[in-house]
PDB file of N, CA and C in Angstrom:
ATOM      1  N   UNK A   1     -44.990 172.345 104.506  1.00  0.00           N
ATOM      2  CA  UNK A   1     -45.836 173.220 104.824  1.00  0.00           C
ATOM      3  C   UNK A   1     -47.225 173.165 103.890  1.00  0.00           C
ATOM      4  N   UNK A   2     -47.131 172.441 102.502  1.00  0.00           N
ATOM      5  CA  UNK A   2     -48.011 172.309 101.260  1.00  0.00           C
ATOM      6  C   UNK A   2     -48.688 171.730 101.652  1.00  0.00           C
ATOM      7  N   UNK A   3     -48.055 170.453 102.115  1.00  0.00           N
ATOM      8  CA  UNK A   3     -49.058 169.255 101.964  1.00  0.00           C
ATOM      9  C   UNK A   3     -50.551 169.418 103.181  1.00  0.00           C
ATOM     10  N   UNK A   4     -49.852 170.149 104.247  1.00  0.00           N
ATOM     11  CA  UNK A   4     -51.140 170.333 105.505  1.00  0.00           C
ATOM     12  C   UNK A   4     -52.201 171.213 104.444  1.00  0.00           C
ATOM     13  N   UNK A   5     -51.363 172.031 104.072  1.00  0.00           N
ATOM     14  CA  UNK A   5     -52.298 172.846 103.106  1.00  0.00           C
ATOM     15  C   UNK A   5     -53.411 172.208 102.001  1.00  0.00           C
ATOM     16  N   UNK A   6     -52.185 171.434 101.821  1.00  0.00           N
ATOM     17  CA  UNK A   6     -53.960 170.458 100.547  1.00  0.00           C
ATOM     18  C   UNK A   6     -54.240 170.009 100.993  1.00  0.00           C
ATOM     19  N   UNK A   7     -53.901 169.409 102.261  1.00  0.00           N
ATOM     20  CA  UNK A   7     -55.001 168.287 102.834  1.00  0.00           C
ATOM     21  C   UNK A   7     -55.997 168.630 103.340  1.00  0.00           C
ATOM     22  N   UNK A   8     -56.098 170.245 103.849  1.00  0.00           N
ATOM     23  CA  UNK A   8     -57.549 170.618 103.908  1.00  0.00           C
ATOM     24  C   UNK A   8     -58.094 171.115 103.274  1.00  0.00           C
ATOM     25  N   UNK A   9     -57.544 171.342 102.312  1.00  0.00           N
ATOM     26  CA  UNK A   9     -58.316 172.023 100.664  1.00  0.00           C
ATOM     27  C   UNK A   9     -58.863 171.183 100.373  1.00  0.00           C
ATOM     28  N   UNK A  10     -58.216 170.181 100.350  1.00  0.00           N
ATOM     29  CA  UNK A  10     -58.751 168.164 100.199  1.00  0.00           C
ATOM     30  C   UNK A  10     -60.044 167.999 100.951  1.00  0.00           C
ATOM     31  N   UNK A  11     -60.114 168.080 102.169  1.00  0.00           N
ATOM     32  CA  UNK A  11     -61.359 168.214 103.074  1.00  0.00           C
ATOM     33  C   UNK A  11     -62.281 168.880 102.753  1.00  0.00           C
ATOM     34  N   UNK A  12     -61.968 170.202 102.326  1.00  0.00           N
ATOM     35  CA  UNK A  12     -63.015 170.891 102.098  1.00  0.00           C
ATOM     36  C   UNK A  12     -63.724 170.610 100.627  1.00  0.00           C
ATOM     37  N   UNK A  13     -63.391 169.900 100.219  1.00  0.00           N
ATOM     38  CA  UNK A  13     -63.705 169.576  98.662  1.00  0.00           C
ATOM     39  C   UNK A  13     -64.586 168.066  98.754  1.00  0.00           C
ATOM     40  N   UNK A  14     -64.348 167.555  99.535  1.00  0.00           N
ATOM     41  CA  UNK A  14     -64.943 166.369  99.781  1.00  0.00           C
ATOM     42  C   UNK A  14     -66.598 166.713 100.492  1.00  0.00           C
ATOM     43  N   UNK A  15     -66.141 167.435 101.834  1.00  0.00           N
ATOM     44  CA  UNK A  15     -67.087 167.741 102.640  1.00  0.00           C
ATOM     45  C   UNK A  15     -68.051 168.300 101.233  1.00  0.00           C
ATOM     46  N   UNK A  16     -67.858 169.572 100.741  1.00  0.00           N
ATOM     47  CA  UNK A  16     -68.431 170.714  99.572  1.00  0.00           C
ATOM     48  C   UNK A  16     -69.372 168.866  98.370  1.00  0.00           C
ATOM     49  N   UNK A  17     -68.892 168.307  97.999  1.00  0.00           N
ATOM     50  CA  UNK A  17     -69.124 166.654  97.331  1.00  0.00           C
ATOM     51  C   UNK A  17     -70.098 166.431  98.423  1.00  0.00           C
ATOM     52  N   UNK A  18     -70.094 165.973  99.276  1.00  0.00           N
ATOM     53  CA  UNK A  18     -70.764 165.595 100.103  1.00  0.00           C
ATOM     54  C   UNK A  18     -72.291 166.498 100.426  1.00  0.00           C
ATOM     55  N   UNK A  19     -72.074 167.881 100.256  1.00  0.00           N
ATOM     56  CA  UNK A  19     -73.162 168.899 100.265  1.00  0.00           C
ATOM     57  C   UNK A  19     -73.952 168.986  99.156  1.00  0.00           C
ATOM     58  N   UNK A  20     -73.104 168.410  98.086  1.00  0.00           N
ATOM     59  CA  UNK A  20     -73.867 168.685  96.398  1.00  0.00           C
ATOM     60  C   UNK A  20     -74.293 167.283  96.707  1.00  0.00           C
ATOM     61  N   UNK A  21     -73.949 166.217  97.310  1.00  0.00           N
ATOM     62  CA  UNK A  21     -74.478 164.526  97.246  1.00  0.00           C
ATOM     63  C   UNK A  21     -76.127 164.848  97.631  1.00  0.00           C
ATOM     64  N   UNK A  22     -76.104 165.351  99.454  1.00  0.00           N
ATOM     65  CA  UNK A  22     -77.339 165.740  99.667  1.00  0.00           C
ATOM     66  C   UNK A  22     -77.905 166.478  99.034  1.00  0.00           C
ATOM     67  N   UNK A  23     -77.315 167.409  98.330  1.00  0.00           N
ATOM     68  CA  UNK A  23     -78.487 168.449  97.693  1.00  0.00           C
ATOM     69  C   UNK A  23     -79.586 168.033  96.779  1.00  0.00           C
ATOM     70  N   UNK A  24     -78.188 166.678  96.198  1.00  0.00           N
ATOM     71  CA  UNK A  24     -79.369 165.904  94.305  1.00  0.00           C
ATOM     72  C   UNK A  24     -80.132 165.369  95.385  1.00  0.00           C
ATOM     73  N   UNK A  25     -80.044 164.624  96.218  1.00  0.00           N
ATOM     74  CA  UNK A  25     -81.303 163.335  96.574  1.00  0.00           C
ATOM     75  C   UNK A  25     -82.701 164.316  96.854  1.00  0.00           C
ATOM     76  N   UNK A  26     -82.288 165.814  97.168  1.00  0.00           N
ATOM     77  CA  UNK A  26     -83.759 166.595  97.864  1.00  0.00           C
ATOM     78  C   UNK A  26     -83.962 167.414  96.401  1.00  0.00           C
ATOM     79  N   UNK A  27     -83.410 166.780  95.180  1.00  0.00           N
ATOM     80  CA  UNK A  27     -83.587 168.422  94.187  1.00  0.00           C
ATOM     81  C   UNK A  27     -83.024 170.022  94.303  1.00  0.00           C
ATOM     82  N   UNK A  28     -82.658 169.950  95.344  1.00  0.00           N
ATOM     83  CA  UNK A  28     -82.274 171.238  95.781  1.00  0.00           C
ATOM     84  C   UNK A  28     -80.882 171.695  95.474  1.00  0.00           C
ATOM     85  N   UNK A  29     -80.569 171.559  94.370  1.00  0.00           N
ATOM     86  CA  UNK A  29     -79.150 172.526  94.212  1.00  0.00           C
ATOM     87  C   UNK A  29     -78.893 173.475  93.527  1.00  0.00           C
ATOM     88  N   UNK A  30     -77.949 173.766  94.442  1.00  0.00           N
ATOM     89  CA  UNK A  30     -77.009 175.488  94.362  1.00  0.00           C
ATOM     90  C   UNK A  30     -75.631 175.535  93.388  1.00  0.00           C
ATOM     91  N   UNK A  31     -75.581 176.539  92.839  1.00  0.00           N
ATOM     92  CA  UNK A  31     -74.425 176.317  92.284  1.00  0.00           C
ATOM     93  C   UNK A  31     -73.079 176.494  93.345  1.00  0.00           C
ATOM     94  N   UNK A  32     -73.250 176.642  94.168  1.00  0.00           N
ATOM     95  CA  UNK A  32     -72.174 177.235  94.598  1.00  0.00           C
ATOM     96  C   UNK A  32     -70.862 176.170  95.318  1.00  0.00           C
ATOM     97  N   UNK A  33     -71.548 175.098  95.996  1.00  0.00           N
ATOM     98  CA  UNK A  33     -70.774 173.785  96.783  1.00  0.00           C
ATOM     99  C   UNK A  33     -70.217 172.772  95.379  1.00  0.00           C
ATOM    100  N   UNK A  34     -70.851 172.848  94.402  1.00  0.00           N
ATOM    101  CA  UNK A  34     -69.719 171.824  93.355  1.00  0.00           C
ATOM    102  C   UNK A  34     -68.802 173.076  93.062  1.00  0.00           C
ATOM    103  N   UNK A  35     -68.984 174.187  92.632  1.00  0.00           N
ATOM    104  CA  UNK A  35     -67.960 174.907  92.242  1.00  0.00           C
ATOM    105  C   UNK A  35     -66.657 175.363  93.105  1.00  0.00           C
ATOM    106  N   UNK A  36     -66.940 175.376  94.027  1.00  0.00           N
ATOM    107  CA  UNK A  36     -66.313 175.189  95.568  1.00  0.00           C
ATOM    108  C   UNK A  36     -65.108 173.810  95.873  1.00  0.00           C
ATOM    109  N   UNK A  37     -65.924 173.024  95.269  1.00  0.00           N
ATOM    110  CA  UNK A  37     -65.716 171.722  95.459  1.00  0.00           C
ATOM    111  C   UNK A  37     -64.524 171.398  94.178  1.00  0.00           C
ATOM    112  N   UNK A  38     -64.914 172.009  92.737  1.00  0.00           N
ATOM    113  CA  UNK A  38     -64.192 171.599  91.953  1.00  0.00           C
ATOM    114  C   UNK A  38     -62.756 172.488  92.158  1.00  0.00           C
ATOM    115  N   UNK A  39     -62.868 174.131  92.573  1.00  0.00           N
ATOM    116  CA  UNK A  39     -61.484 174.394  92.815  1.00  0.00           C
ATOM    117  C   UNK A  39     -60.759 174.234  93.941  1.00  0.00           C
ATOM    118  N   UNK A  40     -61.352 173.797  94.593  1.00  0.00           N
ATOM    119  CA  UNK A  40     -60.420 173.414  96.132  1.00  0.00           C
ATOM    120  C   UNK A  40     -59.823 172.053  96.167  1.00  0.00           C
ATOM    121  N   UNK A  41     -60.658 171.387  95.756  1.00  0.00           N
ATOM    122  CA  UNK A  41     -59.764 170.184  94.510  1.00  0.00           C
ATOM    123  C   UNK A  41     -58.133 170.064  93.184  1.00  0.00           C
ATOM    124  N   UNK A  42     -59.199 171.060  92.805  1.00  0.00           N
ATOM    125  CA  UNK A  42     -57.798 171.529  91.642  1.00  0.00           C
ATOM    126  C   UNK A  42     -56.565 172.003  92.805  1.00  0.00           C
ATOM    127  N   UNK A  43     -57.142 173.164  93.843  1.00  0.00           N
ATOM    128  CA  UNK A  43     -55.959 173.993  94.584  1.00  0.00           C
ATOM    129  C   UNK A  43     -55.652 172.746  94.846  1.00  0.00           C
ATOM    130  N   UNK A  44     -56.070 171.890  95.942  1.00  0.00           N
ATOM    131  CA  UNK A  44     -54.849 170.640  96.092  1.00  0.00           C
ATOM    132  C   UNK A  44     -53.944 170.051  95.600  1.00  0.00           C
ATOM    133  N   UNK A  45     -54.415 169.771  94.499  1.00  0.00           N
ATOM    134  CA  UNK A  45     -53.812 169.031  93.671  1.00  0.00           C
ATOM    135  C   UNK A  45     -52.325 169.405  93.098  1.00  0.00           C
ATOM    136  N   UNK A  46     -52.929 170.692  92.541  1.00  0.00           N
ATOM    137  CA  UNK A  46     -51.412 171.425  92.046  1.00  0.00           C
ATOM    138  C   UNK A  46     -50.355 172.268  93.450  1.00  0.00           C
ATOM    139  N   UNK A  47     -51.106 172.197  94.776  1.00  0.00           N
ATOM    140  CA  UNK A  47     -50.363 172.182  96.266  1.00  0.00           C
ATOM    141  C   UNK A  47     -49.432 171.138  96.372  1.00  0.00           C
ATOM    142  N   UNK A  48     -50.198 169.745  95.777  1.00  0.00           N
ATOM    143  CA  UNK A  48     -49.125 168.271  96.162  1.00  0.00           C
ATOM    144  C   UNK A  48     -47.720 168.647  95.561  1.00  0.00           C
ATOM    145  N   UNK A  49     -48.766 168.637  93.908  1.00  0.00           N
ATOM    146  CA  UNK A  49     -47.410 168.374  92.955  1.00  0.00           C
ATOM    147  C   UNK A  49     -46.560 169.480  92.945  1.00  0.00           C
ATOM    148  N   UNK A  50     -46.770 170.612  93.903  1.00  0.00           N
ATOM    149  CA  UNK A  50     -45.944 171.188  93.518  1.00  0.00           C
ATOM    150  C   UNK A  50     -44.693 171.134  95.104  1.00  0.00           C
ATOM    151  N   UNK A  51     -45.686 170.610  96.133  1.00  0.00           N
ATOM    152  CA  UNK A  51     -44.451 169.873  97.488  1.00  0.00           C
ATOM    153  C   UNK A  51     -43.686 168.795  97.099  1.00  0.00           C
ATOM    154  N   UNK A  52     -44.755 168.054  96.139  1.00  0.00           N
ATOM    155  CA  UNK A  52     -43.936 166.808  95.287  1.00  0.00           C
ATOM    156  C   UNK A  52     -42.796 167.655  94.977  1.00  0.00           C
ATOM    157  N   UNK A  53     -42.325 168.349  93.958  1.00  0.00           N
ATOM    158  CA  UNK A  53     -41.593 169.066  92.962  1.00  0.00           C
ATOM    159  C   UNK A  53     -40.591 169.449  93.730  1.00  0.00           C
ATOM    160  N   UNK A  54     -40.868 170.022  94.640  1.00  0.00           N
ATOM    161  CA  UNK A  54     -39.916 171.084  95.816  1.00  0.00           C
ATOM    162  C   UNK A  54     -39.066 169.806  96.440  1.00  0.00           C
ATOM    163  N   UNK A  55     -39.756 168.688  97.091  1.00  0.00           N
ATOM    164  CA  UNK A  55     -39.304 167.901  97.852  1.00  0.00           C
ATOM    165  C   UNK A  55     -39.507 168.289  99.342  1.00  0.00           C
ATOM    166  N   UNK A  56     -40.558 168.294  99.387  1.00  0.00           N
ATOM    167  CA  UNK A  56     -41.513 168.873 100.581  1.00  0.00           C
ATOM    168  C   UNK A  56     -41.938 167.604 101.641  1.00  0.00           C
TER     169      UNK A  56
END
């Protein structure tokens, strides 16, 4: 179950990175998507490491 949650969070992170990249091309960058991308990426990695440690 942890792996599935980590994969969903990874997907959210990738989408936020795409939104940020699109905003960079129009020079209209807001702070929300980059922060969400970082938080979800770090949370996803932490959940994957936890799942690996517990043998899921």
